[in-house]
Amino acid sequence: MKILTSLDYYLPGFKAGGPTRTVSLMVSQLPETLEFLIGIGDADHTDQHAYPGIRTNQWTDVGRAKVWYLPKRDISIASLTRLVRTVKPDAIYANRESEFPP
């Protein structure tokens, strides 16, 4: 089962605390039959520069998850919609707040 997850920050980030830890623990503790694909920005909370050594706009293995790092300037409903159409997930877990107001 493919689960597309979208949140503001993920590994190697740590400054945002709770959501990053929650999702990384879900990925590591839930059954390996679940495939986590994560779409996030390319920098940690409050950072202006991308995580060192990451590649944007391509899938990167981070533990048991595959992560698609987007340059912050490219984060939009349209970019996340493209990920959904490409991935065709069985489920979506969205935990975003900063880029998309209610």
Protein backbone atom coordinates (compact mmCIF):
# COMPACT_ATOMS: atom_id res chain seq x y z
CA MET A 1 0.00 0.00 0.00
CA LYS A 2 1.39 3.40 -1.04
CA ILE A 3 0.93 6.29 1.37
CA LEU A 4 1.75 9.76 0.08
CA THR A 5 2.63 12.03 2.99
CA SER A 6 2.98 15.76 2.81
CA LEU A 7 4.30 17.79 5.69
CA ASP A 8 6.28 20.97 6.18
CA TYR A 9 9.53 19.35 7.39
CA TYR A 10 11.07 15.89 7.48
CA LEU A 11 14.46 14.27 7.92
CA PRO A 12 17.22 15.30 7.99
CA GLY A 13 15.36 18.20 9.62
CA PHE A 14 14.69 18.27 13.34
CA LYS A 15 13.83 21.87 14.27
CA ALA A 16 10.07 21.49 13.77
CA GLY A 17 9.92 18.75 16.40
CA GLY A 18 6.64 16.83 16.70
CA PRO A 19 5.42 16.26 13.12
CA THR A 20 8.89 15.28 11.88
CA ARG A 21 9.34 12.80 14.74
CA THR A 22 5.81 11.43 14.38
CA VAL A 23 6.13 10.68 10.68
CA SER A 24 9.67 9.29 10.97
CA LEU A 25 8.46 6.94 13.73
CA MET A 26 5.44 5.89 11.65
CA VAL A 27 7.73 5.06 8.74
CA SER A 28 10.12 3.06 10.89
CA GLN A 29 7.54 1.25 13.05
CA LEU A 30 4.62 0.41 10.76
CA PRO A 31 4.72 -2.75 8.63
CA GLU A 32 7.08 -2.83 5.66
CA THR A 33 4.08 -3.55 3.43
CA LEU A 34 3.36 0.19 3.68
CA GLU A 35 5.37 2.27 1.23
CA PHE A 36 5.81 5.87 2.41
CA LEU A 37 6.38 8.55 -0.20
CA ILE A 38 6.94 11.96 1.35
CA GLY A 39 6.77 15.36 -0.33
CA ILE A 40 8.37 18.24 1.59
CA GLY A 41 10.37 21.43 1.29
CA ASP A 42 14.12 21.30 0.97
CA ALA A 43 15.04 23.17 4.18
CA ASP A 44 14.48 22.80 7.91
CA HIS A 45 12.23 25.05 9.98
CA THR A 46 13.58 28.65 10.04
CA ASP A 47 16.45 27.79 7.64
CA GLN A 48 16.90 29.79 4.47
CA HIS A 49 19.16 27.27 2.76
CA ALA A 50 18.46 23.71 1.63
CA TYR A 51 19.60 20.70 3.60
CA PRO A 52 23.24 20.00 2.71
CA GLY A 53 23.74 17.28 0.13
CA ILE A 54 20.11 16.69 -0.83
CA ARG A 55 18.83 16.61 -4.38
CA THR A 56 15.58 18.33 -5.21
CA ASN A 57 12.82 17.18 -7.57
CA GLN A 58 13.73 13.50 -7.45
CA TRP A 59 12.98 10.57 -5.14
CA THR A 60 15.58 10.07 -2.43
CA ASP A 61 15.71 7.11 -0.03
CA VAL A 62 15.58 8.27 3.60
CA GLY A 63 15.35 5.22 5.82
CA ARG A 64 12.33 3.21 4.63
CA ALA A 65 10.71 6.24 2.98
CA LYS A 66 11.19 7.83 -0.39
CA VAL A 67 11.31 11.61 -0.10
CA TRP A 68 10.70 14.22 -2.82
CA TYR A 69 12.38 17.45 -1.70
CA LEU A 70 10.90 20.54 -3.33
CA PRO A 71 12.63 23.90 -3.37
CA LYS A 72 10.51 26.09 -1.08
CA ARG A 73 9.73 28.44 -3.97
CA ASP A 74 8.15 25.51 -5.84
CA ILE A 75 5.79 24.32 -3.10
CA SER A 76 2.22 24.81 -4.23
CA ILE A 77 -1.08 23.02 -4.56
CA ALA A 78 -0.15 22.37 -8.21
CA SER A 79 3.17 20.69 -7.32
CA LEU A 80 1.52 18.48 -4.71
CA THR A 81 -1.28 17.64 -7.16
CA ARG A 82 1.39 16.50 -9.66
CA LEU A 83 2.88 14.23 -6.98
CA VAL A 84 -0.55 12.71 -6.30
CA ARG A 85 -1.15 12.10 -10.01
CA THR A 86 2.32 10.60 -10.48
CA VAL A 87 2.38 8.43 -7.36
CA LYS A 88 -1.29 7.34 -7.47
CA PRO A 89 -1.27 6.62 -3.73
CA ASP A 90 -3.70 4.34 -1.94
CA ALA A 91 -3.87 6.86 0.91
CA ILE A 92 -2.77 10.43 1.59
CA TYR A 93 -1.59 11.73 4.95
CA ALA A 94 -1.36 15.51 4.88
CA ASN A 95 0.10 17.44 7.77
CA ARG A 96 0.76 20.88 6.35
CA GLU A 97 0.03 24.31 7.66
CA SER A 98 2.57 26.95 6.72
CA GLU A 99 2.33 26.98 2.91
CA PHE A 100 -1.42 26.52 2.54
CA PRO A 101 -3.75 28.66 4.62
CA PRO A 102 -7.20 27.18 5.40
